[in-house]
C-alpha atoms as a PDB file:
ATOM      1  CA  UNK A   1     -11.177  10.501 -15.712  1.00  0.00           C
ATOM      2  CA  UNK A   2      -8.959   7.487 -15.147  1.00  0.00           C
ATOM      3  CA  UNK A   3     -10.160   4.120 -16.348  1.00  0.00           C
ATOM      4  CA  UNK A   4      -8.341   2.373 -13.485  1.00  0.00           C
ATOM      5  CA  UNK A   5     -10.565   1.498 -10.533  1.00  0.00           C
ATOM      6  CA  UNK A   6      -8.321   0.900  -7.557  1.00  0.00           C
ATOM      7  CA  UNK A   7      -7.876  -1.817  -4.994  1.00  0.00           C
ATOM      8  CA  UNK A   8      -5.545  -1.726  -2.005  1.00  0.00           C
ATOM      9  CA  UNK A   9      -3.470  -4.884  -1.771  1.00  0.00           C
ATOM     10  CA  UNK A  10      -1.548  -5.645   1.403  1.00  0.00           C
ATOM     11  CA  UNK A  11       0.800  -8.610   1.745  1.00  0.00           C
ATOM     12  CA  UNK A  12       2.553  -9.342   5.023  1.00  0.00           C
ATOM     13  CA  UNK A  13       5.892 -11.005   5.649  1.00  0.00           C
ATOM     14  CA  UNK A  14       7.888 -12.480   8.494  1.00  0.00           C
ATOM     15  CA  UNK A  15      10.808 -10.195   7.613  1.00  0.00           C
ATOM     16  CA  UNK A  16      11.834  -7.304   5.385  1.00  0.00           C
ATOM     17  CA  UNK A  17      14.038  -9.494   3.177  1.00  0.00           C
ATOM     18  CA  UNK A  18      11.020 -11.542   2.078  1.00  0.00           C
ATOM     19  CA  UNK A  19       9.046  -8.358   1.364  1.00  0.00           C
ATOM     20  CA  UNK A  20      11.957  -7.002  -0.697  1.00  0.00           C
ATOM     21  CA  UNK A  21      12.112 -10.235  -2.711  1.00  0.00           C
ATOM     22  CA  UNK A  22       8.421 -10.033  -3.541  1.00  0.00           C
ATOM     23  CA  UNK A  23       8.882  -6.332  -4.338  1.00  0.00           C
ATOM     24  CA  UNK A  24      11.011  -7.423  -7.273  1.00  0.00           C
ATOM     25  CA  UNK A  25       8.184  -9.710  -8.440  1.00  0.00           C
ATOM     26  CA  UNK A  26       5.709  -6.839  -8.047  1.00  0.00           C
ATOM     27  CA  UNK A  27       7.905  -4.724 -10.327  1.00  0.00           C
ATOM     28  CA  UNK A  28       8.040  -7.481 -12.946  1.00  0.00           C
ATOM     29  CA  UNK A  29       4.262  -7.810 -12.873  1.00  0.00           C
ATOM     30  CA  UNK A  30       3.849  -4.061 -13.358  1.00  0.00           C
ATOM     31  CA  UNK A  31       6.345  -4.060 -16.230  1.00  0.00           C
ATOM     32  CA  UNK A  32       4.421  -6.903 -17.894  1.00  0.00           C
ATOM     33  CA  UNK A  33       1.459  -4.576 -18.403  1.00  0.00           C
ATOM     34  CA  UNK A  34      -0.546  -4.801 -15.192  1.00  0.00           C
ATOM     35  CA  UNK A  35      -1.486  -1.412 -13.757  1.00  0.00           C
ATOM     36  CA  UNK A  36       0.185  -0.379 -10.511  1.00  0.00           C
ATOM     37  CA  UNK A  37      -0.689   3.066  -9.180  1.00  0.00           C
ATOM     38  CA  UNK A  38       1.581   3.115  -6.131  1.00  0.00           C
ATOM     39  CA  UNK A  39       3.456   0.726  -3.882  1.00  0.00           C
ATOM     40  CA  UNK A  40       5.862   0.641  -0.975  1.00  0.00           C
ATOM     41  CA  UNK A  41       7.532  -1.742   1.400  1.00  0.00           C
ATOM     42  CA  UNK A  42       6.406  -0.911   4.921  1.00  0.00           C
ATOM     43  CA  UNK A  43       8.332  -2.162   7.926  1.00  0.00           C
ATOM     44  CA  UNK A  44       7.791  -1.967  11.672  1.00  0.00           C
ATOM     45  CA  UNK A  45      10.110  -0.213  14.097  1.00  0.00           C
ATOM     46  CA  UNK A  46      11.114  -1.667  17.480  1.00  0.00           C
ATOM     47  CA  UNK A  47       7.763  -0.615  18.967  1.00  0.00           C
ATOM     48  CA  UNK A  48       5.775  -2.166  16.112  1.00  0.00           C
ATOM     49  CA  UNK A  49       4.891   1.147  14.455  1.00  0.00           C
ATOM     50  CA  UNK A  50       4.853   1.370  10.644  1.00  0.00           C
ATOM     51  CA  UNK A  51       7.636   2.986   8.664  1.00  0.00           C
ATOM     52  CA  UNK A  52       7.645   3.299   4.891  1.00  0.00           C
ATOM     53  CA  UNK A  53      10.893   2.052   3.398  1.00  0.00           C
ATOM     54  CA  UNK A  54      12.459   4.232   0.708  1.00  0.00           C
ATOM     55  CA  UNK A  55      12.033   1.624  -2.037  1.00  0.00           C
ATOM     56  CA  UNK A  56       9.199   3.430  -3.804  1.00  0.00           C
ATOM     57  CA  UNK A  57      11.260   6.574  -4.459  1.00  0.00           C
ATOM     58  CA  UNK A  58      12.981   5.068  -7.486  1.00  0.00           C
ATOM     59  CA  UNK A  59       9.756   4.463  -9.398  1.00  0.00           C
ATOM     60  CA  UNK A  60       7.471   6.634 -11.447  1.00  0.00           C
ATOM     61  CA  UNK A  61       4.373   5.489  -9.615  1.00  0.00           C
ATOM     62  CA  UNK A  62       2.766   7.537  -6.851  1.00  0.00           C
ATOM     63  CA  UNK A  63       6.109   7.979  -5.059  1.00  0.00           C
ATOM     64  CA  UNK A  64       4.581   6.548  -1.898  1.00  0.00           C
ATOM     65  CA  UNK A  65       1.989   9.306  -1.488  1.00  0.00           C
ATOM     66  CA  UNK A  66      -1.011   7.032  -1.932  1.00  0.00           C
ATOM     67  CA  UNK A  67       0.491   4.257   0.198  1.00  0.00           C
ATOM     68  CA  UNK A  68       1.315   6.918   2.798  1.00  0.00           C
ATOM     69  CA  UNK A  69      -2.354   7.823   2.851  1.00  0.00           C
ATOM     70  CA  UNK A  70      -3.283   4.144   3.284  1.00  0.00           C
ATOM     71  CA  UNK A  71      -0.900   3.833   6.242  1.00  0.00           C
ATOM     72  CA  UNK A  72      -2.334   7.085   7.585  1.00  0.00           C
ATOM     73  CA  UNK A  73      -5.863   5.685   7.728  1.00  0.00           C
ATOM     74  CA  UNK A  74      -4.802   2.375   9.254  1.00  0.00           C
ATOM     75  CA  UNK A  75      -2.794   3.997  12.048  1.00  0.00           C
ATOM     76  CA  UNK A  76      -3.438   7.208  13.980  1.00  0.00           C
ATOM     77  CA  UNK A  77      -0.908   9.918  13.070  1.00  0.00           C
ATOM     78  CA  UNK A  78       0.374   9.933  16.648  1.00  0.00           C
ATOM     79  CA  UNK A  79       1.969   6.495  16.195  1.00  0.00           C
ATOM     80  CA  UNK A  80       3.321   6.878  12.681  1.00  0.00           C
ATOM     81  CA  UNK A  81       7.079   6.423  12.631  1.00  0.00           C
ATOM     82  CA  UNK A  82       9.301   8.694  10.610  1.00  0.00           C
ATOM     83  CA  UNK A  83       8.824  11.827   8.581  1.00  0.00           C
ATOM     84  CA  UNK A  84       8.331   9.813   5.396  1.00  0.00           C
ATOM     85  CA  UNK A  85       4.943   8.526   6.499  1.00  0.00           C
ATOM     86  CA  UNK A  86       3.860  11.798   8.070  1.00  0.00           C
ATOM     87  CA  UNK A  87       4.788  13.835   5.024  1.00  0.00           C
ATOM     88  CA  UNK A  88       2.880  11.702   2.551  1.00  0.00           C
ATOM     89  CA  UNK A  89      -0.043  10.682   4.704  1.00  0.00           C
ATOM     90  CA  UNK A  90      -1.714  14.042   5.221  1.00  0.00           C
ATOM     91  CA  UNK A  91      -3.292  14.972   1.903  1.00  0.00           C
ATOM     92  CA  UNK A  92      -4.853  11.706   0.879  1.00  0.00           C
ATOM     93  CA  UNK A  93      -6.015  10.462   4.255  1.00  0.00           C
ATOM     94  CA  UNK A  94      -9.355  12.266   4.406  1.00  0.00           C
ATOM     95  CA  UNK A  95     -10.442  11.399   0.853  1.00  0.00           C
ATOM     96  CA  UNK A  96      -9.333   7.791   1.123  1.00  0.00           C
ATOM     97  CA  UNK A  97     -10.826   7.419   4.581  1.00  0.00           C
ATOM     98  CA  UNK A  98     -14.223   8.515   3.239  1.00  0.00           C
ATOM     99  CA  UNK A  99     -13.914   5.897   0.486  1.00  0.00           C
ATOM    100  CA  UNK A 100     -13.165   3.002   2.841  1.00  0.00           C
ATOM    101  CA  UNK A 101     -15.592   1.683   5.437  1.00  0.00           C
ATOM    102  CA  UNK A 102     -14.474   1.137   9.030  1.00  0.00           C
ATOM    103  CA  UNK A 103     -14.576  -2.585   8.374  1.00  0.00           C
ATOM    104  CA  UNK A 104     -12.191  -2.279   5.400  1.00  0.00           C
ATOM    105  CA  UNK A 105      -9.777  -0.150   7.434  1.00  0.00           C
ATOM    106  CA  UNK A 106      -9.960  -2.663  10.293  1.00  0.00           C
ATOM    107  CA  UNK A 107      -9.309  -5.547   7.894  1.00  0.00           C
ATOM    108  CA  UNK A 108      -6.237  -3.817   6.420  1.00  0.00           C
ATOM    109  CA  UNK A 109      -4.866  -3.098   9.889  1.00  0.00           C
ATOM    110  CA  UNK A 110      -5.383  -6.661  11.049  1.00  0.00           C
ATOM    111  CA  UNK A 111      -3.490  -8.018   8.054  1.00  0.00           C
ATOM    112  CA  UNK A 112      -0.638  -5.551   8.608  1.00  0.00           C
ATOM    113  CA  UNK A 113      -0.406  -6.667  12.244  1.00  0.00           C
ATOM    114  CA  UNK A 114       0.303 -10.250  11.135  1.00  0.00           C
ATOM    115  CA  UNK A 115       3.853  -9.569   9.956  1.00  0.00           C
ATOM    116  CA  UNK A 116       7.057  -7.627  10.505  1.00  0.00           C
ATOM    117  CA  UNK A 117       6.975  -6.118   7.021  1.00  0.00           C
ATOM    118  CA  UNK A 118       4.427  -5.567   4.289  1.00  0.00           C
ATOM    119  CA  UNK A 119       4.104  -4.696   0.650  1.00  0.00           C
ATOM    120  CA  UNK A 120       1.223  -2.290   0.215  1.00  0.00           C
ATOM    121  CA  UNK A 121       0.175  -1.614  -3.354  1.00  0.00           C
ATOM    122  CA  UNK A 122      -2.638   0.246  -5.045  1.00  0.00           C
ATOM    123  CA  UNK A 123      -3.533  -1.633  -8.206  1.00  0.00           C
ATOM    124  CA  UNK A 124      -6.241  -1.751 -10.835  1.00  0.00           C
ATOM    125  CA  UNK A 125      -9.155  -3.993  -9.887  1.00  0.00           C
ATOM    126  CA  UNK A 126      -8.546  -6.064 -13.027  1.00  0.00           C
ATOM    127  CA  UNK A 127      -4.911  -6.711 -12.092  1.00  0.00           C
ATOM    128  CA  UNK A 128      -5.460  -7.971  -8.541  1.00  0.00           C
ATOM    129  CA  UNK A 129      -4.984 -11.660  -9.349  1.00  0.00           C
ATOM    130  CA  UNK A 130      -1.765 -11.026 -11.282  1.00  0.00           C
ATOM    131  CA  UNK A 131      -0.285  -9.051  -8.398  1.00  0.00           C
ATOM    132  CA  UNK A 132      -1.451 -11.584  -5.813  1.00  0.00           C
ATOM    133  CA  UNK A 133       0.302 -14.271  -7.847  1.00  0.00           C
ATOM    134  CA  UNK A 134       3.547 -12.303  -7.708  1.00  0.00           C
ATOM    135  CA  UNK A 135       3.612 -12.230  -3.900  1.00  0.00           C
ATOM    136  CA  UNK A 136       4.641 -15.814  -3.238  1.00  0.00           C
ATOM    137  CA  UNK A 137       6.672 -15.179  -0.084  1.00  0.00           C
ATOM    138  CA  UNK A 138       3.789 -13.465   1.732  1.00  0.00           C
ATOM    139  CA  UNK A 139       2.303 -15.040   4.839  1.00  0.00           C
ATOM    140  CA  UNK A 140      -1.011 -13.258   4.189  1.00  0.00           C
ATOM    141  CA  UNK A 141      -2.485 -11.277   1.282  1.00  0.00           C
ATOM    142  CA  UNK A 142      -5.628  -9.186   1.507  1.00  0.00           C
ATOM    143  CA  UNK A 143      -7.374  -6.733  -0.813  1.00  0.00           C
ATOM    144  CA  UNK A 144      -9.972  -4.024  -0.341  1.00  0.00           C
ATOM    145  CA  UNK A 145     -11.569  -2.117  -3.222  1.00  0.00           C
ATOM    146  CA  UNK A 146     -11.487   1.648  -2.744  1.00  0.00           C
ATOM    147  CA  UNK A 147     -14.325   2.582  -5.078  1.00  0.00           C
ATOM    148  CA  UNK A 148     -12.061   5.361  -6.396  1.00  0.00           C
ATOM    149  CA  UNK A 149     -10.408   5.808  -9.751  1.00  0.00           C
ATOM    150  CA  UNK A 150      -6.641   6.184  -9.853  1.00  0.00           C
ATOM    151  CA  UNK A 151      -6.754   9.869 -10.768  1.00  0.00           C
ATOM    152  CA  UNK A 152      -9.047  10.569  -7.788  1.00  0.00           C
ATOM    153  CA  UNK A 153      -6.540   8.941  -5.439  1.00  0.00           C
ATOM    154  CA  UNK A 154      -3.587  10.787  -6.959  1.00  0.00           C
ATOM    155  CA  UNK A 155      -5.372  14.127  -6.669  1.00  0.00           C
ATOM    156  CA  UNK A 156      -6.279  13.463  -3.040  1.00  0.00           C
ATOM    157  CA  UNK A 157      -2.727  12.415  -2.150  1.00  0.00           C
ATOM    158  CA  UNK A 158      -1.014  15.390  -3.779  1.00  0.00           C
END
């Protein structure tokens, strides 16, 4: 069993460029020894629906599967934009949804609604402050503990 208890971290931005800049800081924080399970930059399309940017594909983390599941619980599948979200959201949605209360899901959605782009990351509970500190361009940062270990999330999202 994994020793990493997970927290969902969502940081919102006025634009994608700011999210991309903080993405670089997120990478540096992970490389400095803080545990990052999965992360992605999520943008909004013209109608305000979420779309996962392809940034996460170049990393060895969860390849966006866990973040896809997070997006899948925040937004009904009928409004998810793009095949990237739909493809990764399916498997982990049910397991993650059971782990998060309605209030936590509502809180995550409200934070996402505050910006045009977001960095969503799944990090170890003990690394939350380090990752929050790396997201200096964010207009809002919010975290919700999942109560799940990293390996439980990965299994659910695969």
